[in-house]
């Protein structure tokens, strides 16, 4: 299929720039993927579209502060780095801009000299940097104080993320530090709302998928099959596998909250059974994929011609998804990470 098959026109004003203070107040588009029927509601009425016994699978990854703005030493030239995967003790894979003058041996300074990054190695599109501090404080502690929350590029913060972003760009159930992007479908949940759903018979379980920049990496090839997904670390516990396998055996619906959950579950699915494991997934879900684990999906509205809109199109049908997006735009839904939600049944 072609990249252009997944394009749509989105007015820039519909890209949500600020989160809702009441997470559950987001609008909810409910799509029946069998009939194409669309209903409009709000997230705090999610229970009206679920059944007792449904199992919601949430991603408990926690976003780490990983964007650093500082200067190159000794020149003082401005530089920004984005820490990606941790490679060892205080050693990170990173991206940088401007990158032209960064060579092995270059030292970068952040937080008025509280944190340093020494370039150890350079590849065509990545760097390996070693972090150190100017004090006896642990490097991770200083990094937390100096670095910024990695908001997506379409959320404009000229002065950097604020305290509200630091709180609301995390799910309320985030536990395992390691993501560089929030699993945004889960941002709509509040703890009291989860408790409410549990009281009426909705079950919950958790996987860990450290969402990465693959969430924002555009498909650049016209043939979508030529796109490659960056690997993401994931972990599915035996407890979670038992819960999901039990639900499948009893014909109860497994509702994946977010595309990261979908990819992890489908990665380890063996026929109709889930195998607990820890590893990395580069699974790229395109139309024609045989979904073995996921029966329903909670998701946000995704960027045009992205791997994520391709994934939801594989789940519900390309024309069905594009029609749902067209109606959401007509009705003024808020799009992308801080935007409204979709439930695909």
C-alpha atoms as a PDB file:
ATOM      1  CA  UNK A   1       0.000   0.000   0.000  1.00  0.00           C
ATOM      2  CA  UNK A   2       1.057   3.597  -0.563  1.00  0.00           C
ATOM      3  CA  UNK A   3       1.979   6.193   2.024  1.00  0.00           C
ATOM      4  CA  UNK A   4      -0.512   8.578   0.418  1.00  0.00           C
ATOM      5  CA  UNK A   5      -3.316   6.120   1.218  1.00  0.00           C
ATOM      6  CA  UNK A   6      -2.984   7.132   4.872  1.00  0.00           C
ATOM      7  CA  UNK A   7      -2.833  10.908   4.444  1.00  0.00           C
ATOM      8  CA  UNK A   8      -5.572  13.243   5.630  1.00  0.00           C
ATOM      9  CA  UNK A   9      -5.845  17.010   5.990  1.00  0.00           C
ATOM     10  CA  UNK A  10      -5.760  18.278   9.570  1.00  0.00           C
ATOM     11  CA  UNK A  11      -6.052  21.981  10.422  1.00  0.00           C
ATOM     12  CA  UNK A  12      -3.148  22.916  12.698  1.00  0.00           C
ATOM     13  CA  UNK A  13      -5.556  24.497  15.189  1.00  0.00           C
ATOM     14  CA  UNK A  14      -6.922  21.021  15.997  1.00  0.00           C
ATOM     15  CA  UNK A  15      -3.595  19.782  17.382  1.00  0.00           C
ATOM     16  CA  UNK A  16      -4.072  19.916  21.159  1.00  0.00           C
ATOM     17  CA  UNK A  17      -1.415  22.129  22.760  1.00  0.00           C
ATOM     18  CA  UNK A  18      -2.464  21.786  26.393  1.00  0.00           C
ATOM     19  CA  UNK A  19      -3.839  18.817  28.343  1.00  0.00           C
ATOM     20  CA  UNK A  20      -7.238  18.790  30.016  1.00  0.00           C
ATOM     21  CA  UNK A  21      -6.892  19.184  33.782  1.00  0.00           C
ATOM     22  CA  UNK A  22      -9.653  16.588  34.179  1.00  0.00           C
ATOM     23  CA  UNK A  23      -8.159  13.704  32.215  1.00  0.00           C
ATOM     24  CA  UNK A  24     -11.478  11.867  31.858  1.00  0.00           C
ATOM     25  CA  UNK A  25     -13.234  14.893  30.331  1.00  0.00           C
ATOM     26  CA  UNK A  26     -11.769  14.136  26.896  1.00  0.00           C
ATOM     27  CA  UNK A  27     -14.205  13.413  24.108  1.00  0.00           C
ATOM     28  CA  UNK A  28     -14.530   9.802  22.985  1.00  0.00           C
ATOM     29  CA  UNK A  29     -15.296   8.646  19.467  1.00  0.00           C
ATOM     30  CA  UNK A  30     -16.610   5.074  19.530  1.00  0.00           C
ATOM     31  CA  UNK A  31     -16.116   3.120  16.307  1.00  0.00           C
ATOM     32  CA  UNK A  32     -17.681  -0.255  15.533  1.00  0.00           C
ATOM     33  CA  UNK A  33     -15.139  -1.746  13.157  1.00  0.00           C
ATOM     34  CA  UNK A  34     -17.599  -4.345  11.838  1.00  0.00           C
ATOM     35  CA  UNK A  35     -20.353  -1.923  10.815  1.00  0.00           C
ATOM     36  CA  UNK A  36     -18.445   1.353  10.616  1.00  0.00           C
ATOM     37  CA  UNK A  37     -21.029   2.937  12.918  1.00  0.00           C
ATOM     38  CA  UNK A  38     -19.749   5.908  14.934  1.00  0.00           C
ATOM     39  CA  UNK A  39     -20.966   7.225  18.276  1.00  0.00           C
ATOM     40  CA  UNK A  40     -19.800  10.325  20.129  1.00  0.00           C
ATOM     41  CA  UNK A  41     -19.370  10.446  23.882  1.00  0.00           C
ATOM     42  CA  UNK A  42     -16.843  11.382  26.584  1.00  0.00           C
ATOM     43  CA  UNK A  43     -14.123   9.274  28.158  1.00  0.00           C
ATOM     44  CA  UNK A  44     -15.782   9.373  31.586  1.00  0.00           C
ATOM     45  CA  UNK A  45     -18.621   7.348  30.011  1.00  0.00           C
ATOM     46  CA  UNK A  46     -16.316   4.616  28.740  1.00  0.00           C
ATOM     47  CA  UNK A  47     -18.140   2.049  30.869  1.00  0.00           C
ATOM     48  CA  UNK A  48     -21.244   2.415  28.669  1.00  0.00           C
ATOM     49  CA  UNK A  49     -19.339   0.730  25.834  1.00  0.00           C
ATOM     50  CA  UNK A  50     -17.586  -1.963  27.885  1.00  0.00           C
ATOM     51  CA  UNK A  51     -18.877  -5.183  29.417  1.00  0.00           C
ATOM     52  CA  UNK A  52     -18.323  -6.769  32.793  1.00  0.00           C
ATOM     53  CA  UNK A  53     -15.405  -9.156  32.323  1.00  0.00           C
ATOM     54  CA  UNK A  54     -13.625  -7.037  29.734  1.00  0.00           C
ATOM     55  CA  UNK A  55      -9.877  -6.971  30.413  1.00  0.00           C
ATOM     56  CA  UNK A  56      -8.125  -3.651  29.841  1.00  0.00           C
ATOM     57  CA  UNK A  57      -4.363  -3.914  29.242  1.00  0.00           C
ATOM     58  CA  UNK A  58      -2.428  -0.779  30.245  1.00  0.00           C
ATOM     59  CA  UNK A  59       1.197   0.204  29.637  1.00  0.00           C
ATOM     60  CA  UNK A  60       2.842   1.149  32.950  1.00  0.00           C
ATOM     61  CA  UNK A  61       6.001   2.669  31.460  1.00  0.00           C
ATOM     62  CA  UNK A  62       7.136   6.004  32.890  1.00  0.00           C
ATOM     63  CA  UNK A  63       8.517   8.823  30.755  1.00  0.00           C
ATOM     64  CA  UNK A  64      11.981   9.943  31.767  1.00  0.00           C
ATOM     65  CA  UNK A  65      13.224  13.481  31.326  1.00  0.00           C
ATOM     66  CA  UNK A  66      15.643  13.197  28.433  1.00  0.00           C
ATOM     67  CA  UNK A  67      15.835  16.498  26.526  1.00  0.00           C
ATOM     68  CA  UNK A  68      18.845  18.628  27.485  1.00  0.00           C
ATOM     69  CA  UNK A  69      19.528  22.192  26.346  1.00  0.00           C
ATOM     70  CA  UNK A  70      23.010  23.595  26.978  1.00  0.00           C
ATOM     71  CA  UNK A  71      26.266  24.580  25.328  1.00  0.00           C
ATOM     72  CA  UNK A  72      29.307  23.133  23.631  1.00  0.00           C
ATOM     73  CA  UNK A  73      32.597  23.644  25.467  1.00  0.00           C
ATOM     74  CA  UNK A  74      34.707  25.688  25.234  1.00  0.00           C
ATOM     75  CA  UNK A  75      33.000  27.708  22.467  1.00  0.00           C
ATOM     76  CA  UNK A  76      29.689  28.201  24.247  1.00  0.00           C
ATOM     77  CA  UNK A  77      27.677  27.334  21.124  1.00  0.00           C
ATOM     78  CA  UNK A  78      24.101  26.339  21.883  1.00  0.00           C
ATOM     79  CA  UNK A  79      23.275  22.640  21.649  1.00  0.00           C
ATOM     80  CA  UNK A  80      20.367  20.352  22.396  1.00  0.00           C
ATOM     81  CA  UNK A  81      20.568  16.584  22.900  1.00  0.00           C
ATOM     82  CA  UNK A  82      17.863  13.991  23.247  1.00  0.00           C
ATOM     83  CA  UNK A  83      18.805  10.890  25.242  1.00  0.00           C
ATOM     84  CA  UNK A  84      17.492   7.659  23.775  1.00  0.00           C
ATOM     85  CA  UNK A  85      18.467   4.184  24.950  1.00  0.00           C
ATOM     86  CA  UNK A  86      20.680   3.673  27.969  1.00  0.00           C
ATOM     87  CA  UNK A  87      23.786   1.734  26.938  1.00  0.00           C
ATOM     88  CA  UNK A  88      25.420   1.302  30.342  1.00  0.00           C
ATOM     89  CA  UNK A  89      26.226   3.151  33.545  1.00  0.00           C
ATOM     90  CA  UNK A  90      25.743   6.843  32.636  1.00  0.00           C
ATOM     91  CA  UNK A  91      26.141   5.929  28.950  1.00  0.00           C
ATOM     92  CA  UNK A  92      23.373   6.845  26.481  1.00  0.00           C
ATOM     93  CA  UNK A  93      22.575   6.709  22.800  1.00  0.00           C
ATOM     94  CA  UNK A  94      21.496  10.224  21.811  1.00  0.00           C
ATOM     95  CA  UNK A  95      20.470  12.573  19.017  1.00  0.00           C
ATOM     96  CA  UNK A  96      21.732  16.144  18.864  1.00  0.00           C
ATOM     97  CA  UNK A  97      21.181  19.441  17.110  1.00  0.00           C
ATOM     98  CA  UNK A  98      23.116  21.096  15.723  1.00  0.00           C
ATOM     99  CA  UNK A  99      25.166  17.943  15.216  1.00  0.00           C
ATOM    100  CA  UNK A 100      27.756  19.013  12.646  1.00  0.00           C
ATOM    101  CA  UNK A 101      30.498  20.006  15.103  1.00  0.00           C
ATOM    102  CA  UNK A 102      30.007  17.178  17.584  1.00  0.00           C
ATOM    103  CA  UNK A 103      32.876  14.710  17.405  1.00  0.00           C
ATOM    104  CA  UNK A 104      34.297  12.145  19.847  1.00  0.00           C
ATOM    105  CA  UNK A 105      35.944  14.096  22.644  1.00  0.00           C
ATOM    106  CA  UNK A 106      33.526  17.043  22.510  1.00  0.00           C
ATOM    107  CA  UNK A 107      32.214  18.082  25.933  1.00  0.00           C
ATOM    108  CA  UNK A 108      28.730  19.542  26.428  1.00  0.00           C
ATOM    109  CA  UNK A 109      27.518  21.398  29.511  1.00  0.00           C
ATOM    110  CA  UNK A 110      23.978  21.597  30.881  1.00  0.00           C
ATOM    111  CA  UNK A 111      22.274  23.199  33.863  1.00  0.00           C
ATOM    112  CA  UNK A 112      24.933  25.891  34.338  1.00  0.00           C
ATOM    113  CA  UNK A 113      27.703  23.317  34.567  1.00  0.00           C
ATOM    114  CA  UNK A 114      25.917  20.851  36.845  1.00  0.00           C
ATOM    115  CA  UNK A 115      25.788  18.107  34.189  1.00  0.00           C
ATOM    116  CA  UNK A 116      28.222  17.214  31.416  1.00  0.00           C
ATOM    117  CA  UNK A 117      27.965  14.970  28.363  1.00  0.00           C
ATOM    118  CA  UNK A 118      31.124  13.768  26.634  1.00  0.00           C
ATOM    119  CA  UNK A 119      30.747  12.491  23.073  1.00  0.00           C
ATOM    120  CA  UNK A 120      32.238   8.985  22.992  1.00  0.00           C
ATOM    121  CA  UNK A 121      31.215   7.794  19.547  1.00  0.00           C
ATOM    122  CA  UNK A 122      29.413   9.085  16.490  1.00  0.00           C
ATOM    123  CA  UNK A 123      27.376   7.220  13.856  1.00  0.00           C
ATOM    124  CA  UNK A 124      25.580   8.739  10.842  1.00  0.00           C
ATOM    125  CA  UNK A 125      22.473   9.655  12.830  1.00  0.00           C
ATOM    126  CA  UNK A 126      23.279   8.961  16.503  1.00  0.00           C
ATOM    127  CA  UNK A 127      25.838   9.676  19.214  1.00  0.00           C
ATOM    128  CA  UNK A 128      27.012   7.788  22.269  1.00  0.00           C
ATOM    129  CA  UNK A 129      27.498  10.171  25.201  1.00  0.00           C
ATOM    130  CA  UNK A 130      28.809   9.656  28.714  1.00  0.00           C
ATOM    131  CA  UNK A 131      27.158  11.724  31.454  1.00  0.00           C
ATOM    132  CA  UNK A 132      28.919  13.083  34.535  1.00  0.00           C
ATOM    133  CA  UNK A 133      28.265  15.720  37.180  1.00  0.00           C
ATOM    134  CA  UNK A 134      30.211  18.506  38.840  1.00  0.00           C
ATOM    135  CA  UNK A 135      29.136  17.343  42.312  1.00  0.00           C
ATOM    136  CA  UNK A 136      28.813  14.194  44.384  1.00  0.00           C
ATOM    137  CA  UNK A 137      25.126  13.876  43.505  1.00  0.00           C
ATOM    138  CA  UNK A 138      24.156  10.744  41.554  1.00  0.00           C
ATOM    139  CA  UNK A 139      24.022  11.413  37.821  1.00  0.00           C
ATOM    140  CA  UNK A 140      20.395  10.255  37.563  1.00  0.00           C
ATOM    141  CA  UNK A 141      19.346  12.754  40.238  1.00  0.00           C
ATOM    142  CA  UNK A 142      21.031  15.664  38.483  1.00  0.00           C
ATOM    143  CA  UNK A 143      19.612  14.531  35.133  1.00  0.00           C
ATOM    144  CA  UNK A 144      16.113  14.600  36.621  1.00  0.00           C
ATOM    145  CA  UNK A 145      16.684  18.177  37.819  1.00  0.00           C
ATOM    146  CA  UNK A 146      18.293  19.519  34.636  1.00  0.00           C
ATOM    147  CA  UNK A 147      16.551  17.685  31.776  1.00  0.00           C
ATOM    148  CA  UNK A 148      13.120  18.434  30.317  1.00  0.00           C
ATOM    149  CA  UNK A 149      10.080  16.252  29.701  1.00  0.00           C
ATOM    150  CA  UNK A 150      10.281  15.169  26.025  1.00  0.00           C
ATOM    151  CA  UNK A 151       7.075  16.626  24.622  1.00  0.00           C
ATOM    152  CA  UNK A 152       6.359  15.798  20.957  1.00  0.00           C
ATOM    153  CA  UNK A 153       7.531  18.379  18.401  1.00  0.00           C
ATOM    154  CA  UNK A 154       3.971  19.376  17.487  1.00  0.00           C
ATOM    155  CA  UNK A 155       3.348  20.639  21.045  1.00  0.00           C
ATOM    156  CA  UNK A 156       4.857  24.098  21.076  1.00  0.00           C
ATOM    157  CA  UNK A 157       6.581  25.217  24.301  1.00  0.00           C
ATOM    158  CA  UNK A 158       9.028  28.038  23.466  1.00  0.00           C
ATOM    159  CA  UNK A 159      10.143  28.153  27.109  1.00  0.00           C
ATOM    160  CA  UNK A 160      10.166  24.379  27.529  1.00  0.00           C
ATOM    161  CA  UNK A 161       7.624  22.127  29.291  1.00  0.00           C
ATOM    162  CA  UNK A 162       6.032  23.486  32.459  1.00  0.00           C
ATOM    163  CA  UNK A 163       5.141  21.792  35.750  1.00  0.00           C
ATOM    164  CA  UNK A 164       1.723  20.911  34.393  1.00  0.00           C
ATOM    165  CA  UNK A 165       3.344  19.017  31.511  1.00  0.00           C
ATOM    166  CA  UNK A 166       5.596  17.144  33.927  1.00  0.00           C
ATOM    167  CA  UNK A 167       2.513  15.842  35.739  1.00  0.00           C
ATOM    168  CA  UNK A 168       0.019  15.384  32.911  1.00  0.00           C
ATOM    169  CA  UNK A 169       2.395  13.874  30.328  1.00  0.00           C
ATOM    170  CA  UNK A 170       2.571  10.785  32.561  1.00  0.00           C
ATOM    171  CA  UNK A 171      -0.169   8.210  33.055  1.00  0.00           C
ATOM    172  CA  UNK A 172      -1.455   8.017  36.624  1.00  0.00           C
ATOM    173  CA  UNK A 173      -0.316   4.382  36.761  1.00  0.00           C
ATOM    174  CA  UNK A 174       3.207   4.903  35.383  1.00  0.00           C
ATOM    175  CA  UNK A 175       5.717   2.796  37.322  1.00  0.00           C
ATOM    176  CA  UNK A 176       8.710   1.643  35.265  1.00  0.00           C
ATOM    177  CA  UNK A 177      11.047   4.444  34.148  1.00  0.00           C
ATOM    178  CA  UNK A 178      12.302   4.139  30.597  1.00  0.00           C
ATOM    179  CA  UNK A 179      10.051   5.725  27.942  1.00  0.00           C
ATOM    180  CA  UNK A 180      10.935   8.783  25.876  1.00  0.00           C
ATOM    181  CA  UNK A 181       7.318   9.292  24.808  1.00  0.00           C
ATOM    182  CA  UNK A 182       4.122   8.834  26.797  1.00  0.00           C
ATOM    183  CA  UNK A 183       1.703   6.006  25.955  1.00  0.00           C
ATOM    184  CA  UNK A 184      -0.865   8.708  25.292  1.00  0.00           C
ATOM    185  CA  UNK A 185      -4.032   6.587  25.135  1.00  0.00           C
ATOM    186  CA  UNK A 186      -3.562   6.008  28.854  1.00  0.00           C
ATOM    187  CA  UNK A 187      -3.409   9.709  29.687  1.00  0.00           C
ATOM    188  CA  UNK A 188      -7.223   9.791  29.868  1.00  0.00           C
ATOM    189  CA  UNK A 189      -7.435   7.612  32.992  1.00  0.00           C
ATOM    190  CA  UNK A 190      -7.665   8.860  36.586  1.00  0.00           C
ATOM    191  CA  UNK A 191      -7.122   6.517  39.536  1.00  0.00           C
ATOM    192  CA  UNK A 192     -10.666   7.016  40.840  1.00  0.00           C
ATOM    193  CA  UNK A 193     -12.014   6.245  37.370  1.00  0.00           C
ATOM    194  CA  UNK A 194     -10.045   2.979  37.228  1.00  0.00           C
ATOM    195  CA  UNK A 195     -11.440   2.091  40.665  1.00  0.00           C
ATOM    196  CA  UNK A 196     -14.945   2.859  39.427  1.00  0.00           C
ATOM    197  CA  UNK A 197     -14.509   0.594  36.405  1.00  0.00           C
ATOM    198  CA  UNK A 198     -13.166  -2.208  38.598  1.00  0.00           C
ATOM    199  CA  UNK A 199     -16.236  -1.974  40.846  1.00  0.00           C
ATOM    200  CA  UNK A 200     -18.540  -2.631  37.904  1.00  0.00           C
ATOM    201  CA  UNK A 201     -16.605  -5.686  36.760  1.00  0.00           C
ATOM    202  CA  UNK A 202     -14.012  -4.307  34.350  1.00  0.00           C
ATOM    203  CA  UNK A 203     -10.619  -5.940  34.920  1.00  0.00           C
ATOM    204  CA  UNK A 204      -7.143  -4.439  34.486  1.00  0.00           C
ATOM    205  CA  UNK A 205      -3.677  -5.787  33.892  1.00  0.00           C
ATOM    206  CA  UNK A 206      -0.363  -4.184  32.916  1.00  0.00           C
ATOM    207  CA  UNK A 207       2.474  -4.602  30.460  1.00  0.00           C
ATOM    208  CA  UNK A 208       5.615  -2.475  30.207  1.00  0.00           C
ATOM    209  CA  UNK A 209       6.564  -1.063  26.815  1.00  0.00           C
ATOM    210  CA  UNK A 210       9.136   1.712  26.797  1.00  0.00           C
ATOM    211  CA  UNK A 211       7.670   3.827  24.028  1.00  0.00           C
ATOM    212  CA  UNK A 212      10.303   5.458  21.867  1.00  0.00           C
ATOM    213  CA  UNK A 213      10.666   7.865  18.958  1.00  0.00           C
ATOM    214  CA  UNK A 214       8.998   5.353  16.679  1.00  0.00           C
ATOM    215  CA  UNK A 215       5.788   7.027  17.839  1.00  0.00           C
ATOM    216  CA  UNK A 216       6.785  10.135  15.882  1.00  0.00           C
ATOM    217  CA  UNK A 217       8.936   8.674  13.103  1.00  0.00           C
ATOM    218  CA  UNK A 218       7.134   9.428   9.828  1.00  0.00           C
ATOM    219  CA  UNK A 219       6.834   6.938   7.009  1.00  0.00           C
ATOM    220  CA  UNK A 220       9.018   8.438   4.259  1.00  0.00           C
ATOM    221  CA  UNK A 221       8.890   5.656   1.671  1.00  0.00           C
ATOM    222  CA  UNK A 222       5.915   5.702  -0.705  1.00  0.00           C
ATOM    223  CA  UNK A 223       5.579   1.936  -0.250  1.00  0.00           C
ATOM    224  CA  UNK A 224       4.581   1.572   3.426  1.00  0.00           C
ATOM    225  CA  UNK A 225       6.040  -1.940   3.603  1.00  0.00           C
ATOM    226  CA  UNK A 226       9.514  -0.410   3.201  1.00  0.00           C
ATOM    227  CA  UNK A 227       9.215   1.449   6.525  1.00  0.00           C
ATOM    228  CA  UNK A 228      11.183   0.086   9.492  1.00  0.00           C
ATOM    229  CA  UNK A 229       9.979   0.379  13.090  1.00  0.00           C
ATOM    230  CA  UNK A 230      12.598   1.251  15.726  1.00  0.00           C
ATOM    231  CA  UNK A 231      12.803  -1.416  18.427  1.00  0.00           C
ATOM    232  CA  UNK A 232      11.092  -0.838  21.776  1.00  0.00           C
ATOM    233  CA  UNK A 233      11.832  -2.721  24.990  1.00  0.00           C
ATOM    234  CA  UNK A 234       8.897  -4.542  26.538  1.00  0.00           C
ATOM    235  CA  UNK A 235       8.095  -6.883  29.404  1.00  0.00           C
ATOM    236  CA  UNK A 236       5.032  -9.082  29.891  1.00  0.00           C
ATOM    237  CA  UNK A 237       4.871 -10.806  33.255  1.00  0.00           C
ATOM    238  CA  UNK A 238       3.557 -14.279  33.964  1.00  0.00           C
ATOM    239  CA  UNK A 239       0.718 -12.691  35.988  1.00  0.00           C
ATOM    240  CA  UNK A 240      -0.346 -10.597  33.006  1.00  0.00           C
ATOM    241  CA  UNK A 241      -0.063 -13.533  30.622  1.00  0.00           C
ATOM    242  CA  UNK A 242      -2.286 -15.643  32.891  1.00  0.00           C
ATOM    243  CA  UNK A 243      -4.887 -12.855  33.062  1.00  0.00           C
ATOM    244  CA  UNK A 244      -4.960 -12.391  29.287  1.00  0.00           C
ATOM    245  CA  UNK A 245      -4.946 -16.103  28.480  1.00  0.00           C
ATOM    246  CA  UNK A 246      -7.796 -16.623  30.935  1.00  0.00           C
ATOM    247  CA  UNK A 247      -9.806 -13.852  29.284  1.00  0.00           C
ATOM    248  CA  UNK A 248      -9.243 -15.331  25.820  1.00  0.00           C
ATOM    249  CA  UNK A 249     -10.193 -18.808  26.992  1.00  0.00           C
ATOM    250  CA  UNK A 250     -13.428 -17.511  28.524  1.00  0.00           C
ATOM    251  CA  UNK A 251     -14.251 -15.441  25.401  1.00  0.00           C
ATOM    252  CA  UNK A 252     -13.934 -12.166  27.316  1.00  0.00           C
ATOM    253  CA  UNK A 253     -12.680  -9.168  25.381  1.00  0.00           C
ATOM    254  CA  UNK A 254      -9.068  -8.031  25.636  1.00  0.00           C
ATOM    255  CA  UNK A 255      -8.980  -4.234  25.282  1.00  0.00           C
ATOM    256  CA  UNK A 256      -5.521  -2.869  24.545  1.00  0.00           C
ATOM    257  CA  UNK A 257      -5.030   0.698  25.763  1.00  0.00           C
ATOM    258  CA  UNK A 258      -2.665   2.229  23.229  1.00  0.00           C
ATOM    259  CA  UNK A 259      -0.779   1.086  20.156  1.00  0.00           C
ATOM    260  CA  UNK A 260       2.290   0.201  22.237  1.00  0.00           C
ATOM    261  CA  UNK A 261       0.221  -2.395  24.104  1.00  0.00           C
ATOM    262  CA  UNK A 262      -1.110  -3.726  20.818  1.00  0.00           C
ATOM    263  CA  UNK A 263       2.386  -4.219  19.404  1.00  0.00           C
ATOM    264  CA  UNK A 264       3.669  -5.950  22.544  1.00  0.00           C
ATOM    265  CA  UNK A 265       0.704  -8.316  22.794  1.00  0.00           C
ATOM    266  CA  UNK A 266       0.782  -9.214  19.124  1.00  0.00           C
ATOM    267  CA  UNK A 267       4.561  -9.726  19.260  1.00  0.00           C
ATOM    268  CA  UNK A 268       4.353 -12.506  21.835  1.00  0.00           C
ATOM    269  CA  UNK A 269       1.066 -14.076  20.718  1.00  0.00           C
ATOM    270  CA  UNK A 270       1.366 -17.712  19.767  1.00  0.00           C
ATOM    271  CA  UNK A 271      -1.911 -18.686  18.135  1.00  0.00           C
ATOM    272  CA  UNK A 272      -4.432 -17.643  20.827  1.00  0.00           C
ATOM    273  CA  UNK A 273      -2.026 -17.849  23.757  1.00  0.00           C
ATOM    274  CA  UNK A 274       0.221 -15.199  25.243  1.00  0.00           C
ATOM    275  CA  UNK A 275       3.773 -16.143  26.216  1.00  0.00           C
ATOM    276  CA  UNK A 276       5.310 -14.102  29.089  1.00  0.00           C
ATOM    277  CA  UNK A 277       8.695 -12.655  28.178  1.00  0.00           C
ATOM    278  CA  UNK A 278      10.990  -9.651  28.165  1.00  0.00           C
ATOM    279  CA  UNK A 279      12.653  -8.398  25.016  1.00  0.00           C
ATOM    280  CA  UNK A 280      12.469  -5.902  22.165  1.00  0.00           C
ATOM    281  CA  UNK A 281       9.848  -5.570  19.490  1.00  0.00           C
ATOM    282  CA  UNK A 282      10.159  -4.076  16.027  1.00  0.00           C
ATOM    283  CA  UNK A 283       6.761  -5.414  14.976  1.00  0.00           C
ATOM    284  CA  UNK A 284       5.275  -3.202  12.278  1.00  0.00           C
ATOM    285  CA  UNK A 285       1.545  -3.869  11.977  1.00  0.00           C
ATOM    286  CA  UNK A 286       0.098  -3.166   8.537  1.00  0.00           C
ATOM    287  CA  UNK A 287      -3.228  -4.079   6.848  1.00  0.00           C
ATOM    288  CA  UNK A 288      -3.505  -7.829   6.547  1.00  0.00           C
ATOM    289  CA  UNK A 289      -2.136  -8.500  10.036  1.00  0.00           C
ATOM    290  CA  UNK A 290      -3.926 -11.352  11.815  1.00  0.00           C
ATOM    291  CA  UNK A 291      -4.743 -10.023  15.300  1.00  0.00           C
ATOM    292  CA  UNK A 292      -4.532 -12.899  17.755  1.00  0.00           C
ATOM    293  CA  UNK A 293      -4.750 -11.130  21.127  1.00  0.00           C
ATOM    294  CA  UNK A 294      -6.460  -7.780  20.785  1.00  0.00           C
ATOM    295  CA  UNK A 295     -10.248  -7.608  20.519  1.00  0.00           C
ATOM    296  CA  UNK A 296     -10.772  -3.884  21.117  1.00  0.00           C
ATOM    297  CA  UNK A 297      -8.532  -0.841  21.321  1.00  0.00           C
ATOM    298  CA  UNK A 298      -8.425   2.491  23.127  1.00  0.00           C
ATOM    299  CA  UNK A 299      -6.289   4.942  21.202  1.00  0.00           C
ATOM    300  CA  UNK A 300      -5.770   8.613  20.369  1.00  0.00           C
ATOM    301  CA  UNK A 301      -5.924  10.258  16.939  1.00  0.00           C
ATOM    302  CA  UNK A 302      -2.645   9.828  15.079  1.00  0.00           C
ATOM    303  CA  UNK A 303      -0.558  11.808  12.629  1.00  0.00           C
ATOM    304  CA  UNK A 304      -1.199  11.443   8.882  1.00  0.00           C
ATOM    305  CA  UNK A 305       0.876   8.780   7.117  1.00  0.00           C
ATOM    306  CA  UNK A 306       2.342   7.515  10.402  1.00  0.00           C
ATOM    307  CA  UNK A 307       2.948   3.906  11.437  1.00  0.00           C
ATOM    308  CA  UNK A 308       0.288   4.390  14.132  1.00  0.00           C
ATOM    309  CA  UNK A 309      -2.526   5.303  11.742  1.00  0.00           C
ATOM    310  CA  UNK A 310      -1.405   2.337   9.631  1.00  0.00           C
ATOM    311  CA  UNK A 311      -1.747   0.129  12.737  1.00  0.00           C
ATOM    312  CA  UNK A 312      -5.293   1.260  13.582  1.00  0.00           C
ATOM    313  CA  UNK A 313      -6.178   0.925   9.897  1.00  0.00           C
ATOM    314  CA  UNK A 314      -4.973  -2.670  10.023  1.00  0.00           C
ATOM    315  CA  UNK A 315      -7.305  -3.195  12.982  1.00  0.00           C
ATOM    316  CA  UNK A 316     -10.435  -1.439  11.728  1.00  0.00           C
ATOM    317  CA  UNK A 317      -9.953  -0.932   7.977  1.00  0.00           C
ATOM    318  CA  UNK A 318      -8.357   2.005   6.217  1.00  0.00           C
ATOM    319  CA  UNK A 319     -11.539   3.538   4.816  1.00  0.00           C
ATOM    320  CA  UNK A 320     -13.351   3.065   8.135  1.00  0.00           C
ATOM    321  CA  UNK A 321     -10.559   4.850  10.029  1.00  0.00           C
ATOM    322  CA  UNK A 322     -10.296   7.695   7.526  1.00  0.00           C
ATOM    323  CA  UNK A 323     -14.054   8.215   7.677  1.00  0.00           C
ATOM    324  CA  UNK A 324     -13.914   8.291  11.491  1.00  0.00           C
ATOM    325  CA  UNK A 325     -11.070  10.846  11.325  1.00  0.00           C
ATOM    326  CA  UNK A 326     -13.029  12.966   8.828  1.00  0.00           C
ATOM    327  CA  UNK A 327     -16.029  13.042  11.169  1.00  0.00           C
ATOM    328  CA  UNK A 328     -13.805  13.806  14.174  1.00  0.00           C
ATOM    329  CA  UNK A 329     -12.340  16.787  12.325  1.00  0.00           C
ATOM    330  CA  UNK A 330     -15.808  18.013  11.341  1.00  0.00           C
ATOM    331  CA  UNK A 331     -16.924  17.827  14.964  1.00  0.00           C
ATOM    332  CA  UNK A 332     -13.877  19.628  16.330  1.00  0.00           C
ATOM    333  CA  UNK A 333     -12.090  16.816  18.174  1.00  0.00           C
ATOM    334  CA  UNK A 334      -8.651  17.552  19.622  1.00  0.00           C
ATOM    335  CA  UNK A 335      -5.836  15.566  17.967  1.00  0.00           C
ATOM    336  CA  UNK A 336      -2.588  13.814  18.922  1.00  0.00           C
ATOM    337  CA  UNK A 337      -0.914  13.322  22.325  1.00  0.00           C
ATOM    338  CA  UNK A 338      -2.959  15.780  24.409  1.00  0.00           C
ATOM    339  CA  UNK A 339      -6.078  15.254  22.334  1.00  0.00           C
ATOM    340  CA  UNK A 340      -9.259  13.229  22.527  1.00  0.00           C
ATOM    341  CA  UNK A 341      -9.699   9.457  22.434  1.00  0.00           C
ATOM    342  CA  UNK A 342     -11.140   6.735  20.234  1.00  0.00           C
ATOM    343  CA  UNK A 343     -12.538   3.363  21.280  1.00  0.00           C
ATOM    344  CA  UNK A 344     -12.494   0.772  18.498  1.00  0.00           C
ATOM    345  CA  UNK A 345     -14.836  -2.161  19.144  1.00  0.00           C
END
